[in-house]
Structures are given as C-alpha cells and as structure tokens.
Amino acid sequence: MALLELDDVSKAFGSLKAVDGVSFKVEAGEIFGIAGPNGSGKSTLFNIITGIPFGPDRGQIRFDGIAINGKSGHAIARLGLARTFQRETSFDGLTVFENALIGASYGKQEKTAATARNAAAEALEFVGLGSRSFGRLAGELSVFERKCLMLATAIAMQPRMLLLDEPASSLTKPEIETSIGLIRRTADRGITILLIEHVLT
C-alpha cells in the first residue's frame, strides 16, 4: 500500500485551476520528485496535502491508508507528515535551537521536555547546525543555513514522510550539492521524501 496517495485532486481559486485532477502514489521509502515552472501549482499541491491553509475542492488524499481530506494541519502532522516551505520560514526572533524545539514539540509522537530537546539537538547536528549555532537568532542565518534549519525543524518532528518545497532554490552550486546529500541522508533515516523543484537533476 502506498504511503501517500492522491486521486483526482483539484483546487481552484475562482476561475483559476491551480491543481486540476492530479493523481499519483508515493511508496514508503521513496524519494519522489515533481518538477514544474513557477505558477504551475506545486506549492498549492503541498498546501492541499498538508491542510495548511486549505484542502482540496475535489478528490481524495490518503496518508498511510487514512483519508486526510478535511483534517487540520495539526492533525495531519500528528499522523507523521511534515513539510518545508519554498521561502525560508522561521521565527527570526527565536534562536536556532528554539525553532527546532517547536518542531520537536509538534510532531507525531508525544514527547517529554527532555526528549523534545534531544530530538531538536540531534536534528540540528544532523543538518550541520551544531551546538555553536544553537544560540544564534534564526534571523541572522544565511539562506542556506535557514534552509538547513527548516529541514532540522521538520526532522525533529520525527515524521514518516517529508515534503520539501524547492529545497535548492536560491542556493549556490556547492550548497545544492550539500542539500542533495542531506536529502539522501534524510531518506536513509527511513523518511519518505516528496520534493518539488523547477528542474530535477
């Protein structure tokens, strides 16, 4: 059984069909990529899947066999589905560690304060934001570091599946290569990956 399954999923904004009759399956353990230009509905598709801020107008979405249409973003995250965003989203006035801790506190498994802190620290170390970065404000990070922080925050949720929205955008070639390595290592942790990009290489 597929971990994620979309069947004839559509979303319109007035007369604009942002997503029209999309169907696909992602098997557990896959790295599954979708490519398309700006305005083709890629980010809207992620919004629909995660329920943030809206679901589909038509069609069915199942995660691990459970219909998630109409569920809140929080409820969907609790099932083990996490995401990053195209733009580097973080709480700029909070530290790197505090941002990751929010992810650790929001994920699938209920955690004690101690286990949440451990999950946040481990995720940050994994993406290369070691303990020297923990006290830095998120707003002081470079674009690449902010993308790493987004990934760490999502990993700290301990999801079964991770949706990555244009993880290579605005990065230099060496940073893209590092990002690809991080994605592969994330998959090696047993996390299924669905990513969207302009071009898949």
Protein backbone atom coordinates (compact mmCIF):
# COMPACT_ATOMS: atom_id res chain seq x y z
CA MET A 1 0.00 0.00 0.00
CA ALA A 2 1.26 3.47 -0.90
CA LEU A 3 2.22 5.76 1.98
CA LEU A 4 0.69 8.77 0.19
CA GLU A 5 -2.00 8.53 -2.48
CA LEU A 6 -3.75 11.31 -4.37
CA ASP A 7 -6.76 10.52 -6.56
CA ASP A 8 -8.18 13.17 -8.93
CA VAL A 9 -7.25 16.04 -6.61
CA SER A 10 -8.20 19.57 -7.69
CA LYS A 11 -8.12 23.08 -6.27
CA ALA A 12 -9.42 26.28 -7.87
CA PHE A 13 -9.34 29.92 -6.87
CA GLY A 14 -12.27 31.44 -8.68
CA SER A 15 -11.79 30.66 -12.37
CA LEU A 16 -8.12 29.73 -11.90
CA LYS A 17 -7.48 25.98 -11.73
CA ALA A 18 -4.34 25.80 -9.61
CA VAL A 19 -4.38 21.99 -9.35
CA ASP A 20 -6.52 20.00 -11.78
CA GLY A 21 -7.17 16.28 -11.47
CA VAL A 22 -3.81 15.24 -10.01
CA SER A 23 -3.30 11.56 -9.18
CA PHE A 24 -0.14 9.81 -8.02
CA LYS A 25 1.21 7.45 -5.35
CA VAL A 26 4.36 7.62 -3.25
CA GLU A 27 5.59 4.35 -1.78
CA ALA A 28 7.25 4.18 1.62
CA GLY A 29 11.00 4.71 1.34
CA GLU A 30 10.87 6.55 -1.99
CA ILE A 31 12.39 9.86 -2.98
CA PHE A 32 9.65 11.12 -5.32
CA GLY A 33 10.15 14.32 -7.31
CA ILE A 34 7.77 16.67 -9.12
CA ALA A 35 9.14 19.35 -11.48
CA GLY A 36 7.39 22.38 -12.91
CA PRO A 37 7.76 26.12 -13.51
CA ASN A 38 6.60 28.90 -11.20
CA GLY A 39 2.83 29.15 -11.11
CA SER A 40 2.24 25.52 -12.06
CA GLY A 41 0.61 24.68 -8.73
CA LYS A 42 3.44 22.83 -7.00
CA SER A 43 3.29 24.70 -3.69
CA THR A 44 -0.51 24.71 -3.83
CA LEU A 45 -0.35 20.93 -4.09
CA PHE A 46 1.73 20.78 -0.89
CA ASN A 47 -0.73 23.11 0.83
CA ILE A 48 -3.57 20.78 -0.15
CA ILE A 49 -1.77 17.67 1.09
CA THR A 50 -0.81 19.16 4.46
CA GLY A 51 -4.08 21.02 5.02
CA ILE A 52 -2.23 24.32 5.51
CA PRO A 53 -4.04 26.58 4.84
CA PHE A 54 -6.61 24.66 2.77
CA GLY A 55 -7.55 21.23 1.46
CA PRO A 56 -8.74 20.13 -2.00
CA ASP A 57 -12.00 21.10 -3.64
CA ARG A 58 -12.30 17.64 -5.15
CA GLY A 59 -10.57 14.28 -4.94
CA GLN A 60 -9.18 12.04 -2.24
CA ILE A 61 -5.90 12.17 -0.33
CA ARG A 62 -4.81 9.23 1.79
CA PHE A 63 -1.79 9.01 4.06
CA ASP A 64 -0.93 5.54 5.31
CA GLY A 65 -4.42 4.45 4.28
CA ILE A 66 -6.16 7.22 6.23
CA ALA A 67 -8.26 9.81 4.39
CA ILE A 68 -6.89 13.22 5.37
CA ASN A 69 -9.32 15.43 3.44
CA GLY A 70 -10.77 17.96 5.84
CA LYS A 71 -8.29 17.25 8.64
CA SER A 72 -6.45 20.18 10.20
CA GLY A 73 -2.78 20.76 9.52
CA HIS A 74 -2.02 19.81 13.12
CA ALA A 75 -3.94 16.53 12.83
CA ILE A 76 -2.13 15.68 9.59
CA ALA A 77 1.25 16.45 11.19
CA ARG A 78 0.35 14.14 14.07
CA LEU A 79 -0.07 11.33 11.53
CA GLY A 80 3.60 11.75 10.61
CA LEU A 81 3.60 14.18 7.68
CA ALA A 82 5.94 17.19 7.80
CA ARG A 83 6.97 19.83 5.26
CA THR A 84 9.31 22.67 4.48
CA PHE A 85 8.41 25.80 2.53
CA GLN A 86 9.74 27.45 -0.63
CA ARG A 87 10.63 30.59 1.29
CA GLU A 88 12.82 30.22 4.35
CA THR A 89 10.28 30.29 7.16
CA SER A 90 11.44 30.52 10.75
CA PHE A 91 10.81 32.52 13.87
CA ASP A 92 13.55 35.08 13.33
CA GLY A 93 13.43 36.41 16.90
CA LEU A 94 13.96 32.93 18.36
CA THR A 95 17.21 31.01 18.47
CA VAL A 96 18.12 28.17 16.16
CA PHE A 97 17.53 25.70 18.96
CA GLU A 98 14.16 27.21 19.90
CA ASN A 99 12.98 26.90 16.31
CA ALA A 100 13.92 23.23 16.14
CA LEU A 101 12.32 22.64 19.53
CA ILE A 102 9.00 23.87 18.15
CA GLY A 103 9.19 21.14 15.51
CA ALA A 104 10.10 18.52 18.09
CA SER A 105 7.09 19.52 20.19
CA TYR A 106 4.70 19.44 17.21
CA GLY A 107 5.36 16.04 15.68
CA LYS A 108 3.82 12.61 15.56
CA GLN A 109 4.93 11.33 18.95
CA GLU A 110 4.17 12.95 22.27
CA LYS A 111 7.46 13.89 23.92
CA THR A 112 8.62 14.92 27.35
CA ALA A 113 10.54 18.19 27.59
CA ALA A 114 13.79 16.22 27.74
CA THR A 115 13.07 14.02 24.72
CA ALA A 116 11.90 17.04 22.71
CA ARG A 117 15.17 18.83 23.48
CA ASN A 118 17.16 15.75 22.49
CA ALA A 119 15.22 15.44 19.21
CA ALA A 120 15.82 19.12 18.41
CA ALA A 121 19.55 18.92 19.19
CA GLU A 122 20.02 15.72 17.18
CA ALA A 123 18.20 17.14 14.15
CA LEU A 124 20.30 20.31 14.21
CA GLU A 125 23.53 18.35 14.45
CA PHE A 126 22.33 16.17 11.56
CA VAL A 127 21.93 19.12 9.18
CA GLY A 128 25.23 20.70 10.21
CA LEU A 129 23.95 23.33 12.64
CA GLY A 130 25.99 22.14 15.59
CA SER A 131 25.85 23.29 19.19
CA ARG A 132 27.75 26.50 18.38
CA SER A 133 24.74 27.56 16.30
CA PHE A 134 22.09 26.73 18.91
CA GLY A 135 22.09 30.21 20.48
CA ARG A 136 22.14 32.20 17.24
CA LEU A 137 18.99 34.04 16.22
CA ALA A 138 17.33 32.47 13.19
CA GLY A 139 17.13 35.88 11.55
CA GLU A 140 20.94 36.06 11.47
CA LEU A 141 21.36 32.92 9.36
CA SER A 142 22.29 32.77 5.69
CA VAL A 143 19.76 31.48 3.14
CA PHE A 144 21.41 28.05 3.14
CA GLU A 145 21.55 27.91 6.94
CA ARG A 146 17.86 28.87 7.11
CA LYS A 147 17.00 26.04 4.73
CA CYS A 148 19.01 23.69 6.95
CA LEU A 149 17.08 24.99 9.96
CA MET A 150 13.76 24.34 8.21
CA LEU A 151 14.89 20.80 7.44
CA ALA A 152 16.05 20.24 11.03
CA THR A 153 12.77 21.58 12.42
CA ALA A 154 10.86 19.15 10.19
CA ILE A 155 13.13 16.21 11.05
CA ALA A 156 12.75 16.97 14.76
CA MET A 157 9.04 16.19 14.31
CA GLN A 158 10.19 12.60 13.57
CA PRO A 159 7.87 12.27 10.56
CA ARG A 160 7.28 9.25 8.35
CA MET A 161 7.15 11.48 5.28
CA LEU A 162 8.69 14.85 4.48
CA LEU A 163 7.52 17.26 1.78
CA LEU A 164 10.31 19.54 0.55
CA ASP A 165 9.26 22.69 -1.33
CA GLU A 166 12.08 23.73 -3.71
CA PRO A 167 14.93 22.91 -1.30
CA ALA A 168 17.57 24.01 -3.84
CA SER A 169 16.11 27.42 -4.71
CA SER A 170 18.42 30.43 -4.17
CA LEU A 171 21.40 28.19 -3.36
CA THR A 172 24.86 28.13 -4.91
CA LYS A 173 26.03 25.01 -6.74
CA PRO A 174 28.13 23.76 -3.77
CA GLU A 175 25.18 24.40 -1.44
CA ILE A 176 22.87 22.48 -3.80
CA GLU A 177 25.26 19.53 -3.71
CA THR A 178 25.28 19.64 0.09
CA SER A 179 21.48 19.89 0.10
CA ILE A 180 21.16 16.83 -2.14
CA GLY A 181 23.40 14.91 0.23
CA LEU A 182 21.25 15.95 3.19
CA ILE A 183 18.10 14.81 1.39
CA ARG A 184 19.63 11.41 0.65
CA ARG A 185 20.79 11.04 4.25
CA THR A 186 17.31 12.02 5.44
CA ALA A 187 15.85 9.25 3.28
CA ASP A 188 18.41 6.85 4.77
CA ARG A 189 16.78 7.56 8.15
CA GLY A 190 13.64 5.87 6.82
CA ILE A 191 11.81 9.10 5.98
CA THR A 192 9.93 9.04 2.67
CA ILE A 193 10.62 12.17 0.59
CA LEU A 194 8.31 14.06 -1.78
CA LEU A 195 10.02 17.11 -3.26
CA ILE A 196 9.14 19.75 -5.80
CA GLU A 197 11.60 21.79 -7.87
CA HIS A 198 11.88 23.78 -11.09
CA VAL A 199 14.22 21.16 -12.53
CA LEU A 200 15.07 17.74 -11.10
CA THR A 201 18.72 16.76 -11.61
